[in-house]
Amino acid sequence: MAKRDASNHKTKIVMSYLLIYMALLAYILYILSIDSTRISEGYKITMLLPAAFVFCYVIFLQEPLFKARTPFIVLFVGIAFFRYVIL
């Protein structure tokens, strides 16, 4: 049983890093595809919000999300993702 738990843990880590890599790749492609000269001066910094979310997710939210799995953490990560990446 312990071997299965270790394998499951490794799978979660690999999936998490794969998702982070895909998110950063999509963000880089997004940055390269937009015309930043057409964006108003006050809104240029909003292009950094998805990268800031990925950074905060890796540093602060990844471990509690996989270990604790409380409703607060799941909702917090979901709302933060929606706010900083989707919007």
C-alpha atoms as a PDB file:
ATOM      1  CA  MET A   1       0.000   0.000   0.000  1.00  0.00           C
ATOM      2  CA  ALA A   2       2.872   2.378   0.782  1.00  0.00           C
ATOM      3  CA  LYS A   3       4.321   1.767  -2.669  1.00  0.00           C
ATOM      4  CA  ARG A   4       1.021   2.754  -4.239  1.00  0.00           C
ATOM      5  CA  ASP A   5       0.859   5.961  -2.152  1.00  0.00           C
ATOM      6  CA  ALA A   6       4.387   6.906  -3.229  1.00  0.00           C
ATOM      7  CA  SER A   7       3.501   6.286  -6.856  1.00  0.00           C
ATOM      8  CA  ASN A   8       0.325   8.362  -6.487  1.00  0.00           C
ATOM      9  CA  HIS A   9       2.318  11.182  -4.890  1.00  0.00           C
ATOM     10  CA  LYS A  10       4.848  11.156  -7.735  1.00  0.00           C
ATOM     11  CA  THR A  11       2.016  11.231 -10.265  1.00  0.00           C
ATOM     12  CA  LYS A  12       0.509  14.296  -8.566  1.00  0.00           C
ATOM     13  CA  ILE A  13       3.868  16.066  -8.604  1.00  0.00           C
ATOM     14  CA  VAL A  14       4.455  15.289 -12.273  1.00  0.00           C
ATOM     15  CA  MET A  15       0.935  16.420 -13.184  1.00  0.00           C
ATOM     16  CA  SER A  16       1.331  19.614 -11.190  1.00  0.00           C
ATOM     17  CA  TYR A  17       4.612  20.540 -12.854  1.00  0.00           C
ATOM     18  CA  LEU A  18       3.200  19.640 -16.254  1.00  0.00           C
ATOM     19  CA  LEU A  19       0.261  21.965 -15.683  1.00  0.00           C
ATOM     20  CA  ILE A  20       2.588  24.746 -14.536  1.00  0.00           C
ATOM     21  CA  TYR A  21       4.763  24.268 -17.613  1.00  0.00           C
ATOM     22  CA  MET A  22       1.727  24.330 -19.905  1.00  0.00           C
ATOM     23  CA  ALA A  23       0.371  27.453 -18.198  1.00  0.00           C
ATOM     24  CA  LEU A  24       3.685  29.275 -18.572  1.00  0.00           C
ATOM     25  CA  LEU A  25       3.980  28.199 -22.201  1.00  0.00           C
ATOM     26  CA  ALA A  26       0.461  29.422 -22.936  1.00  0.00           C
ATOM     27  CA  TYR A  27       1.237  32.692 -21.142  1.00  0.00           C
ATOM     28  CA  ILE A  28       4.405  33.236 -23.173  1.00  0.00           C
ATOM     29  CA  LEU A  29       2.526  32.535 -26.400  1.00  0.00           C
ATOM     30  CA  TYR A  30      -0.187  34.972 -25.284  1.00  0.00           C
ATOM     31  CA  ILE A  31       2.360  37.702 -24.564  1.00  0.00           C
ATOM     32  CA  LEU A  32       3.995  37.181 -27.954  1.00  0.00           C
ATOM     33  CA  SER A  33       0.681  37.280 -29.813  1.00  0.00           C
ATOM     34  CA  ILE A  34      -0.774  40.522 -28.443  1.00  0.00           C
ATOM     35  CA  ASP A  35       0.056  43.992 -29.646  1.00  0.00           C
ATOM     36  CA  SER A  36       1.120  45.834 -26.506  1.00  0.00           C
ATOM     37  CA  THR A  37       1.189  49.197 -28.292  1.00  0.00           C
ATOM     38  CA  ARG A  38      -2.608  49.140 -28.575  1.00  0.00           C
ATOM     39  CA  ILE A  39      -3.138  48.602 -24.837  1.00  0.00           C
ATOM     40  CA  SER A  40      -3.727  51.682 -22.693  1.00  0.00           C
ATOM     41  CA  GLU A  41      -0.841  52.637 -20.442  1.00  0.00           C
ATOM     42  CA  GLY A  42      -2.713  51.834 -17.232  1.00  0.00           C
ATOM     43  CA  TYR A  43      -3.611  48.328 -18.370  1.00  0.00           C
ATOM     44  CA  LYS A  44      -0.177  47.130 -19.544  1.00  0.00           C
ATOM     45  CA  ILE A  45       0.666  45.745 -16.115  1.00  0.00           C
ATOM     46  CA  THR A  46      -2.400  43.475 -16.217  1.00  0.00           C
ATOM     47  CA  MET A  47      -0.472  41.264 -18.636  1.00  0.00           C
ATOM     48  CA  LEU A  48       1.574  40.145 -15.621  1.00  0.00           C
ATOM     49  CA  LEU A  49      -1.395  38.834 -13.624  1.00  0.00           C
ATOM     50  CA  PRO A  50      -1.377  35.262 -15.029  1.00  0.00           C
ATOM     51  CA  ALA A  51       2.356  34.967 -14.387  1.00  0.00           C
ATOM     52  CA  ALA A  52       1.866  36.303 -10.853  1.00  0.00           C
ATOM     53  CA  PHE A  53      -0.821  33.683 -10.249  1.00  0.00           C
ATOM     54  CA  VAL A  54       1.433  30.850 -11.466  1.00  0.00           C
ATOM     55  CA  PHE A  55       4.238  32.136  -9.241  1.00  0.00           C
ATOM     56  CA  CYS A  56       1.985  32.355  -6.169  1.00  0.00           C
ATOM     57  CA  TYR A  57       0.465  28.966  -6.937  1.00  0.00           C
ATOM     58  CA  VAL A  58       3.867  27.308  -7.048  1.00  0.00           C
ATOM     59  CA  ILE A  59       5.174  29.029  -3.922  1.00  0.00           C
ATOM     60  CA  PHE A  60       2.090  29.104  -1.675  1.00  0.00           C
ATOM     61  CA  LEU A  61      -0.940  27.197  -2.949  1.00  0.00           C
ATOM     62  CA  GLN A  62       0.254  23.983  -4.558  1.00  0.00           C
ATOM     63  CA  GLU A  63       1.110  22.044  -1.399  1.00  0.00           C
ATOM     64  CA  PRO A  64      -2.012  22.968   0.638  1.00  0.00           C
ATOM     65  CA  LEU A  65      -4.233  22.223  -2.342  1.00  0.00           C
ATOM     66  CA  PHE A  66      -2.924  18.667  -2.674  1.00  0.00           C
ATOM     67  CA  LYS A  67      -2.490  17.929   1.047  1.00  0.00           C
ATOM     68  CA  ALA A  68      -5.288  19.698   2.926  1.00  0.00           C
ATOM     69  CA  ARG A  69      -8.056  19.768   0.308  1.00  0.00           C
ATOM     70  CA  THR A  70     -10.360  21.855   2.478  1.00  0.00           C
ATOM     71  CA  PRO A  71     -13.299  23.577   0.781  1.00  0.00           C
ATOM     72  CA  PHE A  72     -11.768  26.984   1.553  1.00  0.00           C
ATOM     73  CA  ILE A  73      -8.472  26.183  -0.203  1.00  0.00           C
ATOM     74  CA  VAL A  74     -10.182  24.639  -3.230  1.00  0.00           C
ATOM     75  CA  LEU A  75     -12.543  27.609  -3.623  1.00  0.00           C
ATOM     76  CA  PHE A  76      -9.748  30.104  -2.995  1.00  0.00           C
ATOM     77  CA  VAL A  77      -7.539  28.596  -5.705  1.00  0.00           C
ATOM     78  CA  GLY A  78     -10.480  28.339  -8.104  1.00  0.00           C
ATOM     79  CA  ILE A  79     -11.569  31.935  -7.589  1.00  0.00           C
ATOM     80  CA  ALA A  80      -7.981  33.213  -7.756  1.00  0.00           C
ATOM     81  CA  PHE A  81      -7.433  31.292 -11.016  1.00  0.00           C
ATOM     82  CA  PHE A  82     -10.624  32.724 -12.479  1.00  0.00           C
ATOM     83  CA  ARG A  83      -9.782  36.251 -11.331  1.00  0.00           C
ATOM     84  CA  TYR A  84      -6.135  36.430 -12.354  1.00  0.00           C
ATOM     85  CA  VAL A  85      -5.958  34.130 -15.374  1.00  0.00           C
ATOM     86  CA  ILE A  86      -9.386  34.098 -17.017  1.00  0.00           C
ATOM     87  CA  LEU A  87     -10.368  37.724 -16.435  1.00  0.00           C
END
